[in-house]
Amino acid sequence: MSKNVWYSHLAKRIAHLSGKPVTFSLAVGVILAWIVTGPLFAFSDTWQLVINTGTTIVTFLMVFLIQNTQNRDTEAIQVKLDELIRVTKVAHNALLDLEEIEEDELDAFRARYQLLARLAREELLRGHQDTDTPDA
């Protein structure tokens, strides 16, 4: 198993586990235990440092793990959308892989589709159907 596959599997597993109710309950339990021990340690600087350091470390690591999972999920969704565009006869193949084009090109596509949406809404107000393909 390569390093990338190992990391990807670990990131996916941890991200999945971190979203479970039991994990949230465990985190709440840790915080409650820290609060309860406050009087035992006279609410000292060390007592505060423990929770600050722990939460900072967990947050720092979780950012990378969750970002890895998010990147992979987003990439998979983009591939699925590209396939749907590709197999639809009246779809524009120029819309494939839009996430890779420059922002000004993307803005031009967005403006075109915003115009189409506005025109379609105007037609709906006039009582027309909204099921055609205007470019076909």
C-alpha atoms as a PDB file:
ATOM      1  CA  MET A   1       0.000   0.000   0.000  1.00  0.00           C
ATOM      2  CA  SER A   2       1.584   3.281  -1.082  1.00  0.00           C
ATOM      3  CA  LYS A   3       1.842   6.322   1.165  1.00  0.00           C
ATOM      4  CA  ASN A   4      -0.867   8.202  -0.726  1.00  0.00           C
ATOM      5  CA  VAL A   5      -3.322   5.312  -0.566  1.00  0.00           C
ATOM      6  CA  TRP A   6      -2.598   4.816   3.125  1.00  0.00           C
ATOM      7  CA  TYR A   7      -3.103   8.522   3.871  1.00  0.00           C
ATOM      8  CA  SER A   8      -6.229   8.703   1.749  1.00  0.00           C
ATOM      9  CA  HIS A   9      -7.728   5.696   3.522  1.00  0.00           C
ATOM     10  CA  LEU A  10      -6.784   7.096   6.946  1.00  0.00           C
ATOM     11  CA  ALA A  11      -8.179  10.548   6.130  1.00  0.00           C
ATOM     12  CA  LYS A  12     -11.447   9.096   4.861  1.00  0.00           C
ATOM     13  CA  ARG A  13     -11.835   6.855   7.912  1.00  0.00           C
ATOM     14  CA  ILE A  14     -11.069   9.609  10.437  1.00  0.00           C
ATOM     15  CA  ALA A  15     -13.330  12.110   8.654  1.00  0.00           C
ATOM     16  CA  HIS A  16     -16.115   9.517   8.691  1.00  0.00           C
ATOM     17  CA  LEU A  17     -15.607   8.763  12.379  1.00  0.00           C
ATOM     18  CA  SER A  18     -15.364  12.438  13.327  1.00  0.00           C
ATOM     19  CA  GLY A  19     -18.871  13.035  12.017  1.00  0.00           C
ATOM     20  CA  LYS A  20     -20.514  10.401  14.191  1.00  0.00           C
ATOM     21  CA  PRO A  21     -22.611  11.324  17.248  1.00  0.00           C
ATOM     22  CA  VAL A  22     -20.455   9.145  19.497  1.00  0.00           C
ATOM     23  CA  THR A  23     -17.374  11.179  18.525  1.00  0.00           C
ATOM     24  CA  PHE A  24     -19.166  14.417  19.325  1.00  0.00           C
ATOM     25  CA  SER A  25     -20.277  12.940  22.656  1.00  0.00           C
ATOM     26  CA  LEU A  26     -16.689  11.921  23.397  1.00  0.00           C
ATOM     27  CA  ALA A  27     -15.487  15.472  22.683  1.00  0.00           C
ATOM     28  CA  VAL A  28     -18.184  16.911  24.961  1.00  0.00           C
ATOM     29  CA  GLY A  29     -17.148  14.385  27.626  1.00  0.00           C
ATOM     30  CA  VAL A  30     -13.511  15.470  27.413  1.00  0.00           C
ATOM     31  CA  ILE A  31     -14.506  19.118  27.794  1.00  0.00           C
ATOM     32  CA  LEU A  32     -16.789  18.317  30.730  1.00  0.00           C
ATOM     33  CA  ALA A  33     -13.994  16.320  32.391  1.00  0.00           C
ATOM     34  CA  TRP A  34     -11.651  19.265  31.877  1.00  0.00           C
ATOM     35  CA  ILE A  35     -14.203  21.650  33.421  1.00  0.00           C
ATOM     36  CA  VAL A  36     -14.793  19.351  36.398  1.00  0.00           C
ATOM     37  CA  THR A  37     -11.047  19.116  37.076  1.00  0.00           C
ATOM     38  CA  GLY A  38     -10.748  22.924  37.135  1.00  0.00           C
ATOM     39  CA  PRO A  39     -11.214  23.250  40.898  1.00  0.00           C
ATOM     40  CA  LEU A  40      -8.780  20.365  41.505  1.00  0.00           C
ATOM     41  CA  PHE A  41      -6.044  22.285  39.695  1.00  0.00           C
ATOM     42  CA  ALA A  42      -7.180  25.699  40.982  1.00  0.00           C
ATOM     43  CA  PHE A  43      -7.975  26.753  37.433  1.00  0.00           C
ATOM     44  CA  SER A  44      -4.230  27.119  36.875  1.00  0.00           C
ATOM     45  CA  ASP A  45      -2.468  28.212  33.728  1.00  0.00           C
ATOM     46  CA  THR A  46      -1.358  24.617  33.171  1.00  0.00           C
ATOM     47  CA  TRP A  47      -4.961  23.433  33.447  1.00  0.00           C
ATOM     48  CA  GLN A  48      -5.979  25.955  30.763  1.00  0.00           C
ATOM     49  CA  LEU A  49      -2.963  25.101  28.618  1.00  0.00           C
ATOM     50  CA  VAL A  50      -3.988  21.432  28.517  1.00  0.00           C
ATOM     51  CA  ILE A  51      -7.322  22.124  26.797  1.00  0.00           C
ATOM     52  CA  ASN A  52      -5.908  24.865  24.584  1.00  0.00           C
ATOM     53  CA  THR A  53      -3.049  22.684  23.362  1.00  0.00           C
ATOM     54  CA  GLY A  54      -5.234  19.614  22.904  1.00  0.00           C
ATOM     55  CA  THR A  55      -7.929  21.390  20.929  1.00  0.00           C
ATOM     56  CA  THR A  56      -5.371  23.220  18.803  1.00  0.00           C
ATOM     57  CA  ILE A  57      -3.591  19.997  17.864  1.00  0.00           C
ATOM     58  CA  VAL A  58      -6.839  18.176  17.055  1.00  0.00           C
ATOM     59  CA  THR A  59      -8.129  21.112  15.004  1.00  0.00           C
ATOM     60  CA  PHE A  60      -4.846  21.466  13.110  1.00  0.00           C
ATOM     61  CA  LEU A  61      -4.777  17.787  12.147  1.00  0.00           C
ATOM     62  CA  MET A  62      -8.483  17.604  11.337  1.00  0.00           C
ATOM     63  CA  VAL A  63      -8.208  20.479   8.861  1.00  0.00           C
ATOM     64  CA  PHE A  64      -5.838  18.442   6.689  1.00  0.00           C
ATOM     65  CA  LEU A  65      -7.767  15.193   7.005  1.00  0.00           C
ATOM     66  CA  ILE A  66     -11.133  16.752   6.246  1.00  0.00           C
ATOM     67  CA  GLN A  67      -9.684  18.802   3.370  1.00  0.00           C
ATOM     68  CA  ASN A  68      -8.285  15.619   1.831  1.00  0.00           C
ATOM     69  CA  THR A  69     -11.682  13.958   2.039  1.00  0.00           C
ATOM     70  CA  GLN A  70     -13.433  17.068   0.700  1.00  0.00           C
ATOM     71  CA  ASN A  71     -11.030  17.323  -2.249  1.00  0.00           C
ATOM     72  CA  ARG A  72     -11.588  13.673  -3.163  1.00  0.00           C
ATOM     73  CA  ASP A  73     -15.376  13.972  -2.865  1.00  0.00           C
ATOM     74  CA  THR A  74     -15.429  17.163  -4.945  1.00  0.00           C
ATOM     75  CA  GLU A  75     -13.286  15.554  -7.636  1.00  0.00           C
ATOM     76  CA  ALA A  76     -15.588  12.525  -7.772  1.00  0.00           C
ATOM     77  CA  ILE A  77     -18.652  14.773  -8.088  1.00  0.00           C
ATOM     78  CA  GLN A  78     -16.991  16.729 -10.906  1.00  0.00           C
ATOM     79  CA  VAL A  79     -16.230  13.524 -12.807  1.00  0.00           C
ATOM     80  CA  LYS A  80     -19.832  12.358 -12.371  1.00  0.00           C
ATOM     81  CA  LEU A  81     -21.168  15.715 -13.586  1.00  0.00           C
ATOM     82  CA  ASP A  82     -18.803  15.620 -16.558  1.00  0.00           C
ATOM     83  CA  GLU A  83     -20.118  12.165 -17.456  1.00  0.00           C
ATOM     84  CA  LEU A  84     -23.736  13.351 -17.231  1.00  0.00           C
ATOM     85  CA  ILE A  85     -22.924  16.261 -19.530  1.00  0.00           C
ATOM     86  CA  ARG A  86     -21.047  13.965 -21.908  1.00  0.00           C
ATOM     87  CA  VAL A  87     -23.907  11.474 -22.304  1.00  0.00           C
ATOM     88  CA  THR A  88     -26.673  14.061 -22.668  1.00  0.00           C
ATOM     89  CA  LYS A  89     -27.262  14.657 -26.376  1.00  0.00           C
ATOM     90  CA  VAL A  90     -28.226  18.337 -26.163  1.00  0.00           C
ATOM     91  CA  ALA A  91     -25.681  19.245 -23.471  1.00  0.00           C
ATOM     92  CA  HIS A  92     -22.730  21.433 -24.322  1.00  0.00           C
ATOM     93  CA  ASN A  93     -19.483  19.492 -24.141  1.00  0.00           C
ATOM     94  CA  ALA A  94     -17.707  22.815 -23.572  1.00  0.00           C
ATOM     95  CA  LEU A  95     -19.081  22.621 -20.023  1.00  0.00           C
ATOM     96  CA  LEU A  96     -16.923  19.582 -19.288  1.00  0.00           C
ATOM     97  CA  ASP A  97     -14.103  20.213 -16.823  1.00  0.00           C
ATOM     98  CA  LEU A  98     -15.132  23.813 -16.071  1.00  0.00           C
ATOM     99  CA  GLU A  99     -13.323  23.733 -12.752  1.00  0.00           C
ATOM    100  CA  GLU A 100     -10.041  23.850 -14.673  1.00  0.00           C
ATOM    101  CA  ILE A 101     -10.676  26.985 -16.767  1.00  0.00           C
ATOM    102  CA  GLU A 102      -9.653  30.531 -15.906  1.00  0.00           C
ATOM    103  CA  GLU A 103     -12.004  32.639 -13.797  1.00  0.00           C
ATOM    104  CA  ASP A 104     -12.888  35.092 -16.586  1.00  0.00           C
ATOM    105  CA  GLU A 105     -13.921  32.200 -18.851  1.00  0.00           C
ATOM    106  CA  LEU A 106     -15.989  30.723 -16.020  1.00  0.00           C
ATOM    107  CA  ASP A 107     -17.612  34.121 -15.441  1.00  0.00           C
ATOM    108  CA  ALA A 108     -18.605  34.232 -19.129  1.00  0.00           C
ATOM    109  CA  PHE A 109     -20.267  30.806 -18.878  1.00  0.00           C
ATOM    110  CA  ARG A 110     -21.994  31.825 -15.641  1.00  0.00           C
ATOM    111  CA  ALA A 111     -23.301  35.051 -17.204  1.00  0.00           C
ATOM    112  CA  ARG A 112     -24.689  33.113 -20.162  1.00  0.00           C
ATOM    113  CA  TYR A 113     -26.542  30.695 -17.909  1.00  0.00           C
ATOM    114  CA  GLN A 114     -27.783  33.481 -15.650  1.00  0.00           C
ATOM    115  CA  LEU A 115     -29.272  35.120 -18.745  1.00  0.00           C
ATOM    116  CA  LEU A 116     -30.902  31.841 -19.775  1.00  0.00           C
ATOM    117  CA  ALA A 117     -32.357  31.445 -16.262  1.00  0.00           C
ATOM    118  CA  ARG A 118     -33.728  34.995 -16.262  1.00  0.00           C
ATOM    119  CA  LEU A 119     -35.326  34.503 -19.678  1.00  0.00           C
ATOM    120  CA  ALA A 120     -36.822  31.178 -18.571  1.00  0.00           C
ATOM    121  CA  ARG A 121     -38.343  32.813 -15.468  1.00  0.00           C
ATOM    122  CA  GLU A 122     -39.836  35.551 -17.613  1.00  0.00           C
ATOM    123  CA  GLU A 123     -41.372  32.909 -19.885  1.00  0.00           C
ATOM    124  CA  LEU A 124     -42.802  31.118 -16.835  1.00  0.00           C
ATOM    125  CA  LEU A 125     -44.481  34.358 -15.758  1.00  0.00           C
ATOM    126  CA  ARG A 126     -46.078  34.530 -19.217  1.00  0.00           C
ATOM    127  CA  GLY A 127     -47.471  31.025 -18.700  1.00  0.00           C
ATOM    128  CA  HIS A 128     -45.030  29.143 -20.935  1.00  0.00           C
ATOM    129  CA  GLN A 129     -43.371  25.832 -20.096  1.00  0.00           C
ATOM    130  CA  ASP A 130     -39.836  25.633 -18.783  1.00  0.00           C
ATOM    131  CA  THR A 131     -38.860  22.331 -20.372  1.00  0.00           C
ATOM    132  CA  ASP A 132     -37.214  23.267 -23.633  1.00  0.00           C
ATOM    133  CA  THR A 133     -33.564  23.351 -24.582  1.00  0.00           C
ATOM    134  CA  PRO A 134     -33.090  26.905 -25.894  1.00  0.00           C
ATOM    135  CA  ASP A 135     -29.902  26.120 -27.818  1.00  0.00           C
ATOM    136  CA  ALA A 136     -31.117  22.933 -29.500  1.00  0.00           C
END
